[in-house]
C-alpha atoms as a PDB file:
ATOM      1  CA  MET A   1       7.043   8.288  -0.251  1.00  0.00           C
ATOM      2  CA  SER A   2       5.549   6.418   2.672  1.00  0.00           C
ATOM      3  CA  LYS A   3       3.131   8.163   5.047  1.00  0.00           C
ATOM      4  CA  ILE A   4       4.813   6.525   8.040  1.00  0.00           C
ATOM      5  CA  SER A   5       7.741   8.064   9.876  1.00  0.00           C
ATOM      6  CA  ARG A   6      11.051   6.265  10.280  1.00  0.00           C
ATOM      7  CA  ARG A   7      10.669   6.326  14.049  1.00  0.00           C
ATOM      8  CA  SER A   8       7.225   4.724  14.083  1.00  0.00           C
ATOM      9  CA  LEU A   9       8.255   2.188  11.427  1.00  0.00           C
ATOM     10  CA  LEU A  10      11.207   1.070  13.527  1.00  0.00           C
ATOM     11  CA  GLY A  11       8.950   0.824  16.561  1.00  0.00           C
ATOM     12  CA  TYR A  12       6.433  -1.344  14.724  1.00  0.00           C
ATOM     13  CA  SER A  13       8.416  -3.728  12.609  1.00  0.00           C
ATOM     14  CA  GLY A  14      12.000  -4.182  13.774  1.00  0.00           C
ATOM     15  CA  THR A  15      15.188  -3.009  12.158  1.00  0.00           C
ATOM     16  CA  ALA A  16      15.518  -5.497   9.288  1.00  0.00           C
ATOM     17  CA  ALA A  17      11.980  -5.017   7.981  1.00  0.00           C
ATOM     18  CA  ALA A  18      12.157  -1.276   8.601  1.00  0.00           C
ATOM     19  CA  GLY A  19      15.385  -1.021   6.648  1.00  0.00           C
ATOM     20  CA  ALA A  20      13.901  -2.878   3.697  1.00  0.00           C
ATOM     21  CA  VAL A  21      10.788  -0.693   3.641  1.00  0.00           C
ATOM     22  CA  LEU A  22      12.777   2.512   4.046  1.00  0.00           C
ATOM     23  CA  ALA A  23      15.182   1.481   1.305  1.00  0.00           C
ATOM     24  CA  SER A  24      12.327   0.752  -1.093  1.00  0.00           C
ATOM     25  CA  SER A  25      10.632   4.054  -0.190  1.00  0.00           C
ATOM     26  CA  ALA A  26      13.867   5.948  -0.740  1.00  0.00           C
ATOM     27  CA  ALA A  27      14.481   4.186  -4.050  1.00  0.00           C
ATOM     28  CA  SER A  28      11.022   4.992  -5.358  1.00  0.00           C
ATOM     29  CA  ALA A  29      11.250   8.565  -4.091  1.00  0.00           C
ATOM     30  CA  SER A  30      14.617   9.092  -5.768  1.00  0.00           C
ATOM     31  CA  ALA A  31      13.360   7.541  -9.005  1.00  0.00           C
ATOM     32  CA  SER A  32      10.514  10.029  -9.177  1.00  0.00           C
ATOM     33  CA  THR A  33      12.718  12.982  -8.285  1.00  0.00           C
ATOM     34  CA  VAL A  34      15.379  12.016 -10.839  1.00  0.00           C
ATOM     35  CA  SER A  35      12.861  12.243 -13.643  1.00  0.00           C
ATOM     36  CA  GLY A  36      11.370  15.389 -12.129  1.00  0.00           C
ATOM     37  CA  GLU A  37       7.880  13.948 -11.923  1.00  0.00           C
ATOM     38  CA  ALA A  38       5.989  11.336  -9.970  1.00  0.00           C
ATOM     39  CA  ALA A  39       5.781   7.834 -11.374  1.00  0.00           C
ATOM     40  CA  ALA A  40       2.682   7.202 -13.450  1.00  0.00           C
ATOM     41  CA  PRO A  41       0.081   5.049 -11.702  1.00  0.00           C
ATOM     42  CA  VAL A  42      -0.200   1.487 -12.942  1.00  0.00           C
ATOM     43  CA  ASP A  43      -3.405   0.684 -14.799  1.00  0.00           C
ATOM     44  CA  PHE A  44      -4.609  -2.580 -13.250  1.00  0.00           C
ATOM     45  CA  PRO A  45      -7.162  -4.616 -15.214  1.00  0.00           C
ATOM     46  CA  PRO A  46     -10.604  -5.277 -13.687  1.00  0.00           C
ATOM     47  CA  GLY A  47     -10.538  -8.218 -11.286  1.00  0.00           C
ATOM     48  CA  THR A  48      -6.891  -7.730 -10.292  1.00  0.00           C
ATOM     49  CA  GLU A  49      -6.042  -9.268  -6.925  1.00  0.00           C
ATOM     50  CA  PHE A  50      -4.495  -6.830  -4.445  1.00  0.00           C
ATOM     51  CA  THR A  51      -2.649  -7.892  -1.290  1.00  0.00           C
ATOM     52  CA  GLY A  52      -1.292  -5.868   1.611  1.00  0.00           C
ATOM     53  CA  ASN A  53       0.660  -6.962   4.686  1.00  0.00           C
ATOM     54  CA  THR A  54       1.311  -5.212   7.963  1.00  0.00           C
ATOM     55  CA  SER A  55       2.656  -6.129  11.379  1.00  0.00           C
ATOM     56  CA  ILE A  56       2.983  -4.835  14.887  1.00  0.00           C
ATOM     57  CA  GLY A  57       6.481  -6.027  15.766  1.00  0.00           C
ATOM     58  CA  PRO A  58       6.611  -5.605  19.547  1.00  0.00           C
ATOM     59  CA  ILE A  59       3.613  -7.913  20.029  1.00  0.00           C
ATOM     60  CA  ASP A  60       4.436 -10.189  17.063  1.00  0.00           C
ATOM     61  CA  ALA A  61       1.080  -9.563  15.355  1.00  0.00           C
ATOM     62  CA  ALA A  62       0.653  -9.744  11.586  1.00  0.00           C
ATOM     63  CA  MET A  63      -2.213  -9.165   9.179  1.00  0.00           C
ATOM     64  CA  THR A  64      -2.648  -9.859   5.452  1.00  0.00           C
ATOM     65  CA  LEU A  65      -5.537  -8.369   3.497  1.00  0.00           C
ATOM     66  CA  THR A  66      -6.443  -9.465  -0.022  1.00  0.00           C
ATOM     67  CA  PHE A  67      -9.215  -8.134  -2.250  1.00  0.00           C
ATOM     68  CA  THR A  68     -10.410  -8.024  -5.835  1.00  0.00           C
ATOM     69  CA  LEU A  69     -12.792  -5.525  -7.342  1.00  0.00           C
ATOM     70  CA  ARG A  70     -14.676  -5.604 -10.604  1.00  0.00           C
ATOM     71  CA  VAL A  71     -17.161  -2.898 -11.526  1.00  0.00           C
ATOM     72  CA  ASP A  72     -18.777  -3.282 -14.945  1.00  0.00           C
ATOM     73  CA  GLN A  73     -20.676  -0.611 -16.855  1.00  0.00           C
ATOM     74  CA  ALA A  74     -21.369   1.573 -13.818  1.00  0.00           C
ATOM     75  CA  PRO A  75     -21.955   5.312 -14.225  1.00  0.00           C
ATOM     76  CA  ALA A  76     -19.001   7.389 -13.077  1.00  0.00           C
ATOM     77  CA  ALA A  77     -20.927   8.530  -9.979  1.00  0.00           C
ATOM     78  CA  ASN A  78     -21.299   4.887  -8.870  1.00  0.00           C
ATOM     79  CA  ASP A  79     -17.805   3.683  -9.702  1.00  0.00           C
ATOM     80  CA  VAL A  80     -15.672   2.319  -6.872  1.00  0.00           C
ATOM     81  CA  THR A  81     -11.938   2.134  -7.572  1.00  0.00           C
ATOM     82  CA  PRO A  82      -9.353  -0.288  -6.188  1.00  0.00           C
ATOM     83  CA  LEU A  83      -7.476   2.701  -4.760  1.00  0.00           C
ATOM     84  CA  GLU A  84     -10.559   3.739  -2.767  1.00  0.00           C
ATOM     85  CA  VAL A  85     -10.914   0.209  -1.370  1.00  0.00           C
ATOM     86  CA  ALA A  86      -7.206   0.020  -0.503  1.00  0.00           C
ATOM     87  CA  GLU A  87      -7.286   3.381   1.278  1.00  0.00           C
ATOM     88  CA  ALA A  88     -10.468   2.443   3.185  1.00  0.00           C
ATOM     89  CA  LEU A  89      -9.005  -0.893   4.337  1.00  0.00           C
ATOM     90  CA  SER A  90      -5.755   0.792   5.379  1.00  0.00           C
ATOM     91  CA  ALA A  91      -7.689   3.480   7.285  1.00  0.00           C
ATOM     92  CA  LEU A  92      -9.726   0.788   9.066  1.00  0.00           C
ATOM     93  CA  ALA A  93      -6.560  -1.052  10.096  1.00  0.00           C
ATOM     94  CA  GLU A  94      -4.921   2.214  11.240  1.00  0.00           C
ATOM     95  CA  ALA A  95      -8.010   3.024  13.353  1.00  0.00           C
ATOM     96  CA  ARG A  96      -7.370  -0.281  15.159  1.00  0.00           C
ATOM     97  CA  GLY A  97      -3.685   0.519  15.798  1.00  0.00           C
ATOM     98  CA  TRP A  98      -2.033  -1.149  12.795  1.00  0.00           C
ATOM     99  CA  PRO A  99       0.525   0.678  10.619  1.00  0.00           C
ATOM    100  CA  PRO A 100      -0.648   1.881   7.178  1.00  0.00           C
ATOM    101  CA  ILE A 101      -0.957  -0.856   4.559  1.00  0.00           C
ATOM    102  CA  THR A 102       0.376  -0.624   1.023  1.00  0.00           C
ATOM    103  CA  PHE A 103      -1.476  -2.915  -1.363  1.00  0.00           C
ATOM    104  CA  TYR A 104       0.245  -4.497  -4.345  1.00  0.00           C
ATOM    105  CA  GLY A 105      -1.489  -5.721  -7.459  1.00  0.00           C
ATOM    106  CA  ALA A 106      -0.746  -8.858  -9.403  1.00  0.00           C
ATOM    107  CA  PRO A 107       0.109  -9.855 -12.077  1.00  0.00           C
ATOM    108  CA  ALA A 108       2.152  -6.624 -12.307  1.00  0.00           C
ATOM    109  CA  PRO A 109       3.558  -6.479  -8.749  1.00  0.00           C
ATOM    110  CA  ALA A 110       3.250  -2.744  -8.391  1.00  0.00           C
ATOM    111  CA  PRO A 111       2.001  -0.661  -5.477  1.00  0.00           C
ATOM    112  CA  LEU A 112      -1.595   0.533  -5.672  1.00  0.00           C
ATOM    113  CA  ASN A 113      -1.544   3.130  -2.890  1.00  0.00           C
END
């Protein structure tokens, strides 16, 4: 389920985009509740490209962030995960007034965070 409220989503992105996001959030939430457990996280291969989009509707501002991460043979204490990068980038954007960003990985277009 998305961390953003319906009210703030409508305020940021307009009704059509908000409806699409809310519908996808509701669909994924109902899919995980039907099975009784949360969906298993997707295992993305090293070097996967992740992309996230966000917008501030009332001022017609948009931002796209894309990143790849590859960590080879690092000890567990030094490992950096794509999820950590995605959450850090989203937190940075939120600190500047943008809505939270969900990153999607390719080739399997699945949400990372």
